[in-house]
N, C-alpha and C. Protein backbone atom coordinates (compact mmCIF):
# COMPACT_ATOMS: atom_id res chain seq x y z
N UNK A 1 22.14 17.32 23.61
CA UNK A 1 23.06 16.44 22.88
C UNK A 1 22.30 15.68 21.79
N UNK A 2 21.11 15.17 22.17
CA UNK A 2 20.31 14.44 21.20
C UNK A 2 19.88 15.31 20.03
N UNK A 3 19.49 16.55 20.32
CA UNK A 3 19.06 17.45 19.25
C UNK A 3 20.21 17.81 18.32
N UNK A 4 21.41 18.00 18.91
CA UNK A 4 22.58 18.31 18.08
C UNK A 4 22.92 17.12 17.16
N UNK A 5 22.81 15.91 17.71
CA UNK A 5 23.08 14.72 16.90
C UNK A 5 22.06 14.57 15.78
N UNK A 6 20.79 14.88 16.09
CA UNK A 6 19.75 14.82 15.07
C UNK A 6 19.98 15.85 13.98
N UNK A 7 20.39 17.05 14.38
CA UNK A 7 20.68 18.10 13.40
C UNK A 7 21.80 17.66 12.48
N UNK A 8 22.84 17.02 13.05
CA UNK A 8 23.96 16.54 12.24
C UNK A 8 23.49 15.47 11.25
N UNK A 9 22.62 14.57 11.73
CA UNK A 9 22.10 13.51 10.86
C UNK A 9 21.30 14.08 9.70
N UNK A 10 20.43 15.06 10.01
CA UNK A 10 19.63 15.69 8.96
C UNK A 10 20.52 16.44 7.97
N UNK A 11 21.58 17.05 8.47
CA UNK A 11 22.50 17.76 7.59
C UNK A 11 23.25 16.83 6.66
N UNK A 12 23.51 15.61 7.13
CA UNK A 12 24.25 14.65 6.31
C UNK A 12 23.33 13.87 5.36
N UNK A 13 22.03 13.94 5.58
CA UNK A 13 21.11 13.13 4.79
C UNK A 13 21.22 13.38 3.28
N UNK A 14 21.38 14.64 2.82
CA UNK A 14 21.54 14.83 1.37
C UNK A 14 22.75 14.10 0.77
N UNK A 15 23.78 13.87 1.59
CA UNK A 15 24.95 13.13 1.11
C UNK A 15 24.68 11.63 1.06
N UNK A 16 23.75 11.17 1.91
CA UNK A 16 23.38 9.75 1.92
C UNK A 16 22.24 9.57 0.90
N UNK A 17 22.59 9.61 -0.38
CA UNK A 17 21.57 9.69 -1.43
C UNK A 17 20.61 8.50 -1.41
N UNK A 18 21.15 7.29 -1.23
CA UNK A 18 20.28 6.12 -1.24
C UNK A 18 19.31 6.13 -0.07
N UNK A 19 19.81 6.52 1.11
CA UNK A 19 18.94 6.58 2.28
C UNK A 19 17.86 7.64 2.08
N UNK A 20 18.26 8.80 1.56
CA UNK A 20 17.30 9.89 1.35
C UNK A 20 16.23 9.47 0.34
N UNK A 21 16.64 8.82 -0.75
CA UNK A 21 15.67 8.38 -1.75
C UNK A 21 14.74 7.32 -1.17
N UNK A 22 15.31 6.43 -0.37
CA UNK A 22 14.48 5.39 0.22
C UNK A 22 13.46 5.98 1.19
N UNK A 23 13.88 6.91 2.04
CA UNK A 23 12.96 7.53 2.98
C UNK A 23 11.84 8.27 2.25
N UNK A 24 12.18 8.93 1.14
CA UNK A 24 11.16 9.61 0.34
C UNK A 24 10.22 8.60 -0.30
N UNK A 25 10.79 7.52 -0.85
CA UNK A 25 9.95 6.48 -1.45
C UNK A 25 9.02 5.86 -0.41
N UNK A 26 9.56 5.60 0.78
CA UNK A 26 8.75 5.03 1.86
C UNK A 26 7.61 5.97 2.24
N UNK A 27 7.89 7.25 2.29
CA UNK A 27 6.87 8.23 2.63
C UNK A 27 5.72 8.19 1.61
N UNK A 28 6.07 8.03 0.35
CA UNK A 28 5.06 8.07 -0.71
C UNK A 28 4.25 6.78 -0.75
N UNK A 29 4.95 5.63 -0.80
CA UNK A 29 4.17 4.39 -0.95
C UNK A 29 3.46 3.97 0.34
N UNK A 30 3.98 4.38 1.50
CA UNK A 30 3.25 4.10 2.74
C UNK A 30 1.96 4.90 2.79
N UNK A 31 2.02 6.14 2.34
CA UNK A 31 0.80 6.96 2.27
C UNK A 31 -0.22 6.31 1.36
N UNK A 32 0.24 5.80 0.22
CA UNK A 32 -0.66 5.12 -0.70
C UNK A 32 -1.26 3.86 -0.10
N UNK A 33 -0.43 3.09 0.61
CA UNK A 33 -0.91 1.84 1.21
C UNK A 33 -1.94 2.11 2.31
N UNK A 34 -1.64 3.07 3.18
CA UNK A 34 -2.57 3.41 4.26
C UNK A 34 -3.90 3.89 3.68
N UNK A 35 -3.83 4.71 2.63
CA UNK A 35 -5.06 5.22 2.01
C UNK A 35 -5.85 4.09 1.36
N UNK A 36 -5.14 3.15 0.75
CA UNK A 36 -5.81 2.02 0.10
C UNK A 36 -6.53 1.16 1.13
N UNK A 37 -5.87 0.89 2.26
CA UNK A 37 -6.52 0.12 3.31
C UNK A 37 -7.72 0.88 3.89
N UNK A 38 -7.57 2.18 4.04
CA UNK A 38 -8.64 2.99 4.64
C UNK A 38 -9.87 3.08 3.75
N UNK A 39 -9.65 3.19 2.43
CA UNK A 39 -10.75 3.44 1.51
C UNK A 39 -11.23 2.19 0.77
N UNK A 40 -10.51 1.05 0.92
CA UNK A 40 -10.91 -0.15 0.20
C UNK A 40 -12.31 -0.62 0.56
N UNK A 41 -12.61 -0.62 1.86
CA UNK A 41 -13.94 -1.02 2.31
C UNK A 41 -15.01 -0.03 1.90
N UNK A 42 -14.67 1.26 1.98
CA UNK A 42 -15.63 2.31 1.58
C UNK A 42 -15.96 2.19 0.10
N UNK A 43 -14.91 1.96 -0.70
CA UNK A 43 -15.11 1.82 -2.15
C UNK A 43 -15.97 0.60 -2.45
N UNK A 44 -15.72 -0.51 -1.74
CA UNK A 44 -16.51 -1.73 -1.95
C UNK A 44 -17.96 -1.51 -1.53
N UNK A 45 -18.16 -0.81 -0.41
CA UNK A 45 -19.52 -0.54 0.06
C UNK A 45 -20.31 0.25 -0.97
N UNK A 46 -19.64 1.20 -1.62
CA UNK A 46 -20.30 2.01 -2.64
C UNK A 46 -20.56 1.21 -3.91
N UNK A 47 -19.59 0.37 -4.29
CA UNK A 47 -19.70 -0.38 -5.55
C UNK A 47 -20.71 -1.51 -5.45
N UNK A 48 -20.66 -2.27 -4.34
CA UNK A 48 -21.49 -3.47 -4.22
C UNK A 48 -22.63 -3.33 -3.22
N UNK A 49 -22.69 -2.20 -2.52
CA UNK A 49 -23.72 -2.04 -1.50
C UNK A 49 -23.45 -2.87 -0.26
N UNK A 50 -22.17 -3.12 0.03
CA UNK A 50 -21.83 -3.93 1.20
C UNK A 50 -22.25 -3.24 2.49
N UNK A 51 -22.65 -4.07 3.45
CA UNK A 51 -22.99 -3.57 4.78
C UNK A 51 -21.90 -3.98 5.78
N UNK A 52 -22.17 -3.77 7.05
CA UNK A 52 -21.14 -3.96 8.08
C UNK A 52 -20.55 -5.37 8.06
N UNK A 53 -21.39 -6.39 7.90
CA UNK A 53 -20.89 -7.77 7.98
C UNK A 53 -19.96 -8.09 6.81
N UNK A 54 -20.29 -7.59 5.61
CA UNK A 54 -19.41 -7.83 4.46
C UNK A 54 -18.09 -7.08 4.61
N UNK A 55 -18.16 -5.82 5.04
CA UNK A 55 -16.93 -5.03 5.20
C UNK A 55 -16.07 -5.62 6.31
N UNK A 56 -16.71 -6.07 7.41
CA UNK A 56 -15.95 -6.69 8.50
C UNK A 56 -15.27 -7.98 8.06
N UNK A 57 -16.00 -8.82 7.31
CA UNK A 57 -15.42 -10.06 6.80
C UNK A 57 -14.28 -9.78 5.83
N UNK A 58 -14.46 -8.77 5.01
CA UNK A 58 -13.42 -8.36 4.08
C UNK A 58 -12.15 -7.95 4.83
N UNK A 59 -12.31 -7.17 5.90
CA UNK A 59 -11.16 -6.75 6.69
C UNK A 59 -10.45 -7.91 7.35
N UNK A 60 -11.22 -8.91 7.84
CA UNK A 60 -10.61 -10.09 8.46
C UNK A 60 -9.80 -10.88 7.43
N UNK A 61 -10.36 -11.05 6.23
CA UNK A 61 -9.64 -11.78 5.18
C UNK A 61 -8.36 -11.06 4.78
N UNK A 62 -8.40 -9.73 4.73
CA UNK A 62 -7.19 -8.96 4.41
C UNK A 62 -6.12 -9.15 5.47
N UNK A 63 -6.54 -9.18 6.75
CA UNK A 63 -5.58 -9.36 7.84
C UNK A 63 -4.92 -10.74 7.77
N UNK A 64 -5.72 -11.77 7.45
CA UNK A 64 -5.18 -13.12 7.31
C UNK A 64 -4.21 -13.19 6.14
N UNK A 65 -4.61 -12.59 5.02
CA UNK A 65 -3.74 -12.58 3.85
C UNK A 65 -2.43 -11.83 4.15
N UNK A 66 -2.53 -10.74 4.91
CA UNK A 66 -1.34 -9.99 5.28
C UNK A 66 -0.38 -10.80 6.13
N UNK A 67 -0.93 -11.64 7.02
CA UNK A 67 -0.10 -12.49 7.87
C UNK A 67 0.70 -13.49 7.04
N UNK A 68 0.00 -14.18 6.13
CA UNK A 68 0.69 -15.15 5.27
C UNK A 68 1.66 -14.44 4.32
N UNK A 69 1.24 -13.29 3.82
CA UNK A 69 2.11 -12.54 2.91
C UNK A 69 3.40 -12.10 3.59
N UNK A 70 3.30 -11.66 4.84
CA UNK A 70 4.49 -11.24 5.57
C UNK A 70 5.42 -12.42 5.83
N UNK A 71 4.85 -13.59 6.11
CA UNK A 71 5.67 -14.78 6.35
C UNK A 71 6.41 -15.19 5.07
N UNK A 72 5.67 -15.21 3.95
CA UNK A 72 6.31 -15.55 2.67
C UNK A 72 7.33 -14.48 2.28
N UNK A 73 6.97 -13.20 2.53
CA UNK A 73 7.90 -12.11 2.23
C UNK A 73 9.18 -12.21 3.01
N UNK A 74 9.11 -12.69 4.26
CA UNK A 74 10.33 -12.87 5.05
C UNK A 74 11.25 -13.90 4.43
N UNK A 75 10.67 -14.99 3.93
CA UNK A 75 11.48 -16.02 3.26
C UNK A 75 12.14 -15.46 2.00
N UNK A 76 11.35 -14.69 1.24
CA UNK A 76 11.89 -14.09 0.01
C UNK A 76 12.96 -13.03 0.33
N UNK A 77 12.75 -12.31 1.43
CA UNK A 77 13.74 -11.31 1.86
C UNK A 77 15.08 -11.99 2.15
N UNK A 78 15.04 -13.12 2.85
CA UNK A 78 16.27 -13.85 3.16
C UNK A 78 16.99 -14.31 1.90
N UNK A 79 16.21 -14.65 0.90
CA UNK A 79 16.80 -15.23 -0.32
C UNK A 79 17.21 -14.18 -1.34
N UNK A 80 16.34 -13.18 -1.56
CA UNK A 80 16.58 -12.23 -2.65
C UNK A 80 16.92 -10.82 -2.18
N UNK A 81 16.74 -10.53 -0.90
CA UNK A 81 17.01 -9.18 -0.39
C UNK A 81 15.75 -8.34 -0.31
N UNK A 82 15.75 -7.36 0.60
CA UNK A 82 14.54 -6.57 0.83
C UNK A 82 14.13 -5.68 -0.33
N UNK A 83 15.09 -5.16 -1.08
CA UNK A 83 14.74 -4.25 -2.17
C UNK A 83 13.87 -4.95 -3.21
N UNK A 84 14.21 -6.19 -3.54
CA UNK A 84 13.41 -6.93 -4.52
C UNK A 84 12.03 -7.26 -3.96
N UNK A 85 11.96 -7.53 -2.67
CA UNK A 85 10.66 -7.81 -2.05
C UNK A 85 9.78 -6.57 -2.10
N UNK A 86 10.36 -5.41 -1.80
CA UNK A 86 9.60 -4.16 -1.86
C UNK A 86 9.12 -3.90 -3.28
N UNK A 87 10.03 -4.06 -4.25
CA UNK A 87 9.66 -3.82 -5.66
C UNK A 87 8.56 -4.78 -6.10
N UNK A 88 8.67 -6.05 -5.70
CA UNK A 88 7.64 -7.02 -6.06
C UNK A 88 6.30 -6.69 -5.41
N UNK A 89 6.34 -6.28 -4.15
CA UNK A 89 5.10 -5.92 -3.44
C UNK A 89 4.43 -4.72 -4.09
N UNK A 90 5.22 -3.71 -4.46
CA UNK A 90 4.65 -2.53 -5.11
C UNK A 90 4.06 -2.88 -6.47
N UNK A 91 4.71 -3.78 -7.19
CA UNK A 91 4.19 -4.20 -8.50
C UNK A 91 2.85 -4.90 -8.34
N UNK A 92 2.76 -5.79 -7.33
CA UNK A 92 1.49 -6.49 -7.06
C UNK A 92 0.41 -5.48 -6.69
N UNK A 93 0.76 -4.52 -5.84
CA UNK A 93 -0.23 -3.49 -5.44
C UNK A 93 -0.70 -2.69 -6.65
N UNK A 94 0.21 -2.34 -7.53
CA UNK A 94 -0.17 -1.58 -8.73
C UNK A 94 -1.13 -2.38 -9.60
N UNK A 95 -0.79 -3.64 -9.86
CA UNK A 95 -1.62 -4.47 -10.73
C UNK A 95 -2.97 -4.76 -10.09
N UNK A 96 -2.97 -5.06 -8.79
CA UNK A 96 -4.23 -5.36 -8.10
C UNK A 96 -5.14 -4.13 -8.05
N UNK A 97 -4.55 -2.96 -7.79
CA UNK A 97 -5.35 -1.73 -7.76
C UNK A 97 -5.92 -1.42 -9.13
N UNK A 98 -5.10 -1.58 -10.18
CA UNK A 98 -5.60 -1.34 -11.54
C UNK A 98 -6.74 -2.29 -11.87
N UNK A 99 -6.63 -3.56 -11.45
CA UNK A 99 -7.69 -4.52 -11.71
C UNK A 99 -8.96 -4.19 -10.93
N UNK A 100 -8.79 -3.75 -9.67
CA UNK A 100 -9.96 -3.38 -8.85
C UNK A 100 -10.75 -2.26 -9.50
N UNK A 101 -10.04 -1.32 -10.12
CA UNK A 101 -10.73 -0.20 -10.76
C UNK A 101 -11.53 -0.65 -11.98
N UNK A 102 -11.26 -1.87 -12.46
CA UNK A 102 -11.99 -2.41 -13.60
C UNK A 102 -13.02 -3.45 -13.18
N UNK A 103 -13.29 -3.53 -11.88
CA UNK A 103 -14.32 -4.43 -11.36
C UNK A 103 -15.53 -3.60 -10.95
N UNK A 104 -16.69 -3.94 -11.49
CA UNK A 104 -17.93 -3.26 -11.11
C UNK A 104 -18.96 -4.29 -10.67
N UNK A 105 -20.11 -3.83 -10.26
CA UNK A 105 -21.12 -4.74 -9.71
C UNK A 105 -21.48 -5.84 -10.71
N UNK A 106 -21.50 -5.50 -12.01
CA UNK A 106 -21.93 -6.48 -13.01
C UNK A 106 -20.88 -6.71 -14.09
N UNK A 107 -19.60 -6.41 -13.79
CA UNK A 107 -18.56 -6.66 -14.78
C UNK A 107 -17.20 -6.85 -14.10
N UNK A 108 -16.36 -7.66 -14.76
CA UNK A 108 -14.98 -7.89 -14.32
C UNK A 108 -14.08 -7.70 -15.52
N UNK A 109 -13.24 -6.68 -15.48
CA UNK A 109 -12.32 -6.40 -16.59
C UNK A 109 -13.10 -6.32 -17.91
N UNK A 110 -14.20 -5.58 -17.90
CA UNK A 110 -15.05 -5.32 -19.07
C UNK A 110 -15.87 -6.54 -19.50
N UNK A 111 -15.81 -7.64 -18.77
CA UNK A 111 -16.62 -8.82 -19.08
C UNK A 111 -17.86 -8.80 -18.20
N UNK A 112 -19.04 -8.88 -18.81
CA UNK A 112 -20.28 -8.83 -18.05
C UNK A 112 -20.48 -10.11 -17.24
N UNK A 113 -20.90 -9.95 -15.98
CA UNK A 113 -21.19 -11.09 -15.11
C UNK A 113 -22.51 -10.81 -14.40
N UNK A 114 -23.05 -11.85 -13.77
CA UNK A 114 -24.32 -11.68 -13.04
C UNK A 114 -24.09 -10.84 -11.80
N UNK A 115 -24.93 -9.86 -11.54
CA UNK A 115 -24.78 -9.02 -10.33
C UNK A 115 -25.12 -9.81 -9.08
N UNK A 116 -24.70 -9.33 -7.88
CA UNK A 116 -25.05 -10.01 -6.63
C UNK A 116 -26.56 -10.10 -6.45
N UNK A 117 -26.99 -11.21 -5.85
CA UNK A 117 -28.42 -11.41 -5.60
C UNK A 117 -28.81 -10.67 -4.33
N UNK A 118 -29.79 -9.75 -4.38
CA UNK A 118 -30.22 -9.04 -3.18
C UNK A 118 -30.69 -10.00 -2.09
N UNK A 119 -30.14 -9.87 -0.90
CA UNK A 119 -30.51 -10.75 0.20
C UNK A 119 -29.93 -12.14 0.09
N UNK A 120 -29.02 -12.37 -0.85
CA UNK A 120 -28.42 -13.69 -1.03
C UNK A 120 -27.27 -13.93 -0.07
N UNK A 121 -26.54 -15.04 -0.26
CA UNK A 121 -25.40 -15.35 0.62
C UNK A 121 -24.31 -14.29 0.51
N UNK A 122 -23.39 -14.31 1.48
CA UNK A 122 -22.27 -13.37 1.45
C UNK A 122 -21.42 -13.59 0.19
N UNK A 123 -21.09 -12.50 -0.46
CA UNK A 123 -20.20 -12.52 -1.62
C UNK A 123 -20.70 -13.51 -2.68
N UNK A 124 -21.99 -13.43 -2.99
CA UNK A 124 -22.58 -14.35 -3.97
C UNK A 124 -22.27 -13.96 -5.40
N UNK A 125 -21.96 -12.68 -5.64
CA UNK A 125 -21.68 -12.23 -6.99
C UNK A 125 -20.26 -12.52 -7.42
N UNK A 126 -20.08 -12.81 -8.71
CA UNK A 126 -18.74 -13.09 -9.24
C UNK A 126 -17.83 -11.88 -9.08
N UNK A 127 -18.37 -10.67 -9.28
CA UNK A 127 -17.57 -9.46 -9.14
C UNK A 127 -17.13 -9.27 -7.69
N UNK A 128 -18.00 -9.61 -6.75
CA UNK A 128 -17.64 -9.50 -5.34
C UNK A 128 -16.49 -10.45 -5.01
N UNK A 129 -16.57 -11.67 -5.52
CA UNK A 129 -15.50 -12.65 -5.26
C UNK A 129 -14.19 -12.21 -5.90
N UNK A 130 -14.28 -11.61 -7.08
CA UNK A 130 -13.07 -11.09 -7.73
C UNK A 130 -12.47 -9.97 -6.88
N UNK A 131 -13.32 -9.12 -6.33
CA UNK A 131 -12.84 -8.03 -5.47
C UNK A 131 -12.17 -8.60 -4.23
N UNK A 132 -12.73 -9.68 -3.67
CA UNK A 132 -12.13 -10.33 -2.50
C UNK A 132 -10.74 -10.85 -2.83
N UNK A 133 -10.60 -11.51 -3.96
CA UNK A 133 -9.30 -12.07 -4.36
C UNK A 133 -8.27 -10.94 -4.53
N UNK A 134 -8.68 -9.88 -5.21
CA UNK A 134 -7.77 -8.75 -5.42
C UNK A 134 -7.44 -8.07 -4.09
N UNK A 135 -8.43 -7.97 -3.20
CA UNK A 135 -8.18 -7.40 -1.89
C UNK A 135 -7.19 -8.23 -1.09
N UNK A 136 -7.31 -9.57 -1.19
CA UNK A 136 -6.36 -10.44 -0.49
C UNK A 136 -4.96 -10.29 -1.07
N UNK A 137 -4.86 -10.09 -2.37
CA UNK A 137 -3.54 -9.82 -2.97
C UNK A 137 -2.94 -8.54 -2.40
N UNK A 138 -3.77 -7.52 -2.23
CA UNK A 138 -3.30 -6.26 -1.65
C UNK A 138 -2.86 -6.47 -0.21
N UNK A 139 -3.66 -7.22 0.55
CA UNK A 139 -3.28 -7.52 1.93
C UNK A 139 -1.99 -8.30 2.00
N UNK A 140 -1.86 -9.30 1.11
CA UNK A 140 -0.65 -10.14 1.11
C UNK A 140 0.59 -9.34 0.70
N UNK A 141 0.42 -8.34 -0.15
CA UNK A 141 1.56 -7.51 -0.57
C UNK A 141 1.90 -6.44 0.46
N UNK A 142 0.87 -5.98 1.21
CA UNK A 142 1.10 -4.92 2.19
C UNK A 142 1.98 -5.36 3.34
N UNK A 143 1.84 -6.62 3.78
CA UNK A 143 2.65 -7.12 4.89
C UNK A 143 4.14 -7.12 4.59
N UNK A 144 4.58 -7.81 3.53
CA UNK A 144 6.01 -7.81 3.21
C UNK A 144 6.54 -6.43 2.80
N UNK A 145 5.70 -5.57 2.24
CA UNK A 145 6.15 -4.23 1.90
C UNK A 145 6.63 -3.49 3.14
N UNK A 146 5.83 -3.56 4.21
CA UNK A 146 6.20 -2.85 5.43
C UNK A 146 7.37 -3.52 6.14
N UNK A 147 7.38 -4.86 6.16
CA UNK A 147 8.46 -5.57 6.85
C UNK A 147 9.80 -5.40 6.12
N UNK A 148 9.78 -5.55 4.80
CA UNK A 148 11.01 -5.44 4.02
C UNK A 148 11.56 -4.01 4.03
N UNK A 149 10.68 -3.03 4.19
CA UNK A 149 11.14 -1.64 4.27
C UNK A 149 12.04 -1.45 5.48
N UNK A 150 11.66 -2.04 6.60
CA UNK A 150 12.49 -1.96 7.81
C UNK A 150 13.80 -2.72 7.62
N UNK A 151 13.70 -3.87 6.94
CA UNK A 151 14.89 -4.67 6.68
C UNK A 151 15.88 -3.91 5.79
N UNK A 152 15.35 -3.21 4.79
CA UNK A 152 16.22 -2.45 3.89
C UNK A 152 16.88 -1.29 4.62
N UNK A 153 16.14 -0.63 5.50
CA UNK A 153 16.72 0.49 6.24
C UNK A 153 17.91 0.04 7.08
N UNK A 154 17.83 -1.16 7.66
CA UNK A 154 18.95 -1.68 8.44
C UNK A 154 20.20 -1.78 7.58
N UNK A 155 20.03 -2.14 6.31
CA UNK A 155 21.18 -2.27 5.41
C UNK A 155 21.72 -0.91 4.96
N UNK A 156 20.85 0.09 4.93
CA UNK A 156 21.25 1.39 4.38
C UNK A 156 21.80 2.34 5.45
N UNK A 157 21.23 2.31 6.65
CA UNK A 157 21.55 3.32 7.66
C UNK A 157 22.92 3.07 8.28
N UNK A 158 23.63 4.14 8.68
CA UNK A 158 24.90 3.98 9.40
C UNK A 158 24.69 3.21 10.70
N UNK A 159 25.58 2.29 11.00
CA UNK A 159 25.41 1.41 12.16
C UNK A 159 25.37 2.17 13.48
N UNK A 160 26.13 3.27 13.57
CA UNK A 160 26.21 3.98 14.85
C UNK A 160 25.01 4.90 15.09
N UNK A 161 24.13 5.07 14.09
CA UNK A 161 22.96 5.95 14.26
C UNK A 161 21.69 5.28 13.76
N UNK A 162 21.61 3.98 13.94
CA UNK A 162 20.48 3.23 13.41
C UNK A 162 19.17 3.66 14.06
N UNK A 163 19.20 4.00 15.35
CA UNK A 163 17.97 4.42 16.03
C UNK A 163 17.45 5.74 15.48
N UNK A 164 18.38 6.67 15.19
CA UNK A 164 17.95 7.96 14.61
C UNK A 164 17.27 7.75 13.26
N UNK A 165 17.85 6.87 12.45
CA UNK A 165 17.29 6.66 11.12
C UNK A 165 15.94 5.93 11.19
N UNK A 166 15.78 5.07 12.18
CA UNK A 166 14.47 4.45 12.35
C UNK A 166 13.46 5.48 12.83
N UNK A 167 13.91 6.47 13.59
CA UNK A 167 13.02 7.56 13.97
C UNK A 167 12.57 8.36 12.76
N UNK A 168 13.53 8.66 11.85
CA UNK A 168 13.17 9.36 10.61
C UNK A 168 12.25 8.50 9.75
N UNK A 169 12.51 7.20 9.74
CA UNK A 169 11.69 6.26 8.98
C UNK A 169 10.24 6.29 9.49
N UNK A 170 10.07 6.26 10.81
CA UNK A 170 8.73 6.32 11.39
C UNK A 170 8.05 7.65 11.07
N UNK A 171 8.84 8.73 11.09
CA UNK A 171 8.29 10.05 10.81
C UNK A 171 7.81 10.15 9.37
N UNK A 172 8.63 9.65 8.42
CA UNK A 172 8.24 9.72 7.01
C UNK A 172 7.01 8.88 6.72
N UNK A 173 6.76 7.86 7.55
CA UNK A 173 5.57 7.05 7.34
C UNK A 173 4.30 7.70 7.84
N UNK A 174 4.44 8.82 8.59
CA UNK A 174 3.25 9.43 9.18
C UNK A 174 3.07 10.91 8.85
N UNK A 175 4.18 11.60 8.55
CA UNK A 175 4.09 13.06 8.44
C UNK A 175 3.21 13.51 7.28
N UNK A 176 3.09 12.69 6.23
CA UNK A 176 2.25 13.08 5.09
C UNK A 176 1.05 12.15 4.94
N UNK A 177 0.66 11.47 6.01
CA UNK A 177 -0.40 10.47 5.91
C UNK A 177 -1.76 11.05 5.55
N UNK A 178 -1.89 12.36 5.63
CA UNK A 178 -3.17 13.00 5.28
C UNK A 178 -3.29 13.26 3.78
N UNK A 179 -2.17 13.22 3.05
CA UNK A 179 -2.20 13.63 1.64
C UNK A 179 -3.02 12.67 0.79
N UNK A 180 -2.81 11.35 0.98
CA UNK A 180 -3.56 10.37 0.19
C UNK A 180 -5.06 10.51 0.36
N UNK A 181 -5.57 10.45 1.60
CA UNK A 181 -7.02 10.63 1.78
C UNK A 181 -7.52 11.97 1.27
N UNK A 182 -6.73 13.03 1.45
CA UNK A 182 -7.14 14.35 0.98
C UNK A 182 -7.29 14.36 -0.55
N UNK A 183 -6.30 13.79 -1.25
CA UNK A 183 -6.37 13.77 -2.71
C UNK A 183 -7.52 12.90 -3.20
N UNK A 184 -7.74 11.76 -2.54
CA UNK A 184 -8.87 10.91 -2.92
C UNK A 184 -10.18 11.69 -2.78
N UNK A 185 -10.32 12.40 -1.66
CA UNK A 185 -11.53 13.18 -1.43
C UNK A 185 -11.72 14.28 -2.44
N UNK A 186 -10.63 15.00 -2.75
CA UNK A 186 -10.72 16.12 -3.69
C UNK A 186 -11.06 15.61 -5.10
N UNK A 187 -10.33 14.59 -5.56
CA UNK A 187 -10.56 14.07 -6.92
C UNK A 187 -11.96 13.48 -7.02
N UNK A 188 -12.40 12.76 -5.99
CA UNK A 188 -13.75 12.20 -6.00
C UNK A 188 -14.81 13.30 -6.07
N UNK A 189 -14.61 14.37 -5.29
CA UNK A 189 -15.57 15.47 -5.29
C UNK A 189 -15.59 16.20 -6.63
N UNK A 190 -14.43 16.43 -7.21
CA UNK A 190 -14.35 17.17 -8.47
C UNK A 190 -14.93 16.38 -9.63
N UNK A 191 -14.61 15.07 -9.68
CA UNK A 191 -15.03 14.24 -10.81
C UNK A 191 -16.36 13.52 -10.57
N UNK A 192 -16.84 13.55 -9.31
CA UNK A 192 -18.04 12.81 -8.92
C UNK A 192 -17.89 11.33 -9.24
N UNK A 193 -16.66 10.82 -9.10
CA UNK A 193 -16.37 9.41 -9.39
C UNK A 193 -15.41 8.86 -8.35
N UNK A 194 -15.83 7.81 -7.63
CA UNK A 194 -14.93 7.18 -6.68
C UNK A 194 -13.80 6.45 -7.37
N UNK A 195 -14.05 5.94 -8.57
CA UNK A 195 -12.99 5.27 -9.32
C UNK A 195 -11.85 6.24 -9.60
N UNK A 196 -12.18 7.45 -10.01
CA UNK A 196 -11.15 8.45 -10.29
C UNK A 196 -10.38 8.79 -9.02
N UNK A 197 -11.10 8.87 -7.90
CA UNK A 197 -10.44 9.16 -6.64
C UNK A 197 -9.47 8.07 -6.24
N UNK A 198 -9.88 6.80 -6.36
CA UNK A 198 -9.01 5.69 -6.01
C UNK A 198 -7.85 5.56 -6.99
N UNK A 199 -8.07 5.95 -8.24
CA UNK A 199 -7.03 5.83 -9.25
C UNK A 199 -5.80 6.68 -8.93
N UNK A 200 -5.98 7.71 -8.11
CA UNK A 200 -4.85 8.58 -7.77
C UNK A 200 -3.79 7.79 -7.01
N UNK A 201 -4.18 6.69 -6.37
CA UNK A 201 -3.22 5.89 -5.61
C UNK A 201 -2.23 5.17 -6.51
N UNK A 202 -2.58 4.98 -7.77
CA UNK A 202 -1.63 4.39 -8.73
C UNK A 202 -0.37 5.25 -8.81
N UNK A 203 -0.56 6.57 -8.74
CA UNK A 203 0.58 7.49 -8.81
C UNK A 203 1.50 7.29 -7.61
N UNK A 204 0.93 7.07 -6.43
CA UNK A 204 1.74 6.87 -5.23
C UNK A 204 2.63 5.64 -5.37
N UNK A 205 2.06 4.54 -5.80
CA UNK A 205 2.84 3.30 -5.90
C UNK A 205 3.85 3.37 -7.05
N UNK A 206 3.47 3.99 -8.16
CA UNK A 206 4.40 4.14 -9.28
C UNK A 206 5.56 5.04 -8.92
N UNK A 207 5.29 6.14 -8.21
CA UNK A 207 6.35 7.06 -7.79
C UNK A 207 7.28 6.38 -6.79
N UNK A 208 6.71 5.62 -5.84
CA UNK A 208 7.53 4.90 -4.88
C UNK A 208 8.42 3.88 -5.55
N UNK A 209 7.89 3.18 -6.54
CA UNK A 209 8.67 2.18 -7.28
C UNK A 209 9.80 2.83 -8.07
N UNK A 210 9.51 3.98 -8.68
CA UNK A 210 10.54 4.70 -9.46
C UNK A 210 11.68 5.18 -8.56
N UNK A 211 11.35 5.71 -7.39
CA UNK A 211 12.38 6.15 -6.45
C UNK A 211 13.18 4.97 -5.90
N UNK A 212 12.50 3.87 -5.63
CA UNK A 212 13.18 2.68 -5.12
C UNK A 212 14.22 2.16 -6.10
N UNK A 213 13.93 2.28 -7.39
CA UNK A 213 14.86 1.79 -8.41
C UNK A 213 16.21 2.51 -8.34
N UNK A 214 16.24 3.71 -7.76
CA UNK A 214 17.48 4.49 -7.66
C UNK A 214 18.18 4.31 -6.32
N UNK A 215 17.67 3.40 -5.50
CA UNK A 215 18.29 3.11 -4.20
C UNK A 215 19.30 1.99 -4.38
N UNK A 216 20.51 2.21 -3.87
CA UNK A 216 21.55 1.19 -3.93
C UNK A 216 21.73 0.57 -2.55
N UNK A 217 21.62 -0.75 -2.49
CA UNK A 217 21.75 -1.42 -1.18
C UNK A 217 23.21 -1.36 -0.72
């Protein structure tokens, strides 16, 4: 009975255009977000020579920023609706990622700064601190992006089959989760540049934002 109901739901999905577009958008931008979280520390370690303590501290700060971001995102969701929260979160992720790609050990957005002092205090370099701020922006945007996505699905899915659609939602968030890391690895290997590899994630967030614009609440 459950399989027959699932088959019926999948058959009707092309007619539910907004739900189908949203599930596709969620699949794309979730893949980008997971890849960004997975490779952010690796990219920083390569750029700044961070070791375990710096990467661990960076991860803790991202988690704290994500907590506050999700709380603020919930307030904004209540006031403006989940679609606007998702669009705002994706815009922040796009801008923060673009800025991170322009941060190097001795420069921020093409402006030369003093490099980190070897053996100095944690995050002593201006570029490192800029990376921390941008990373916290990413963490703060990632929380409401995931929470508001669930909130939007509740508004879009048929009331009598909400559990099935949440199952599809969970599936779309995982079924292609290997694509982002794979593309980052391939582009990095081909170009011999980690920046080029990370830049591919801009496409994920831009594509997710474009698909979201065609979703009607």
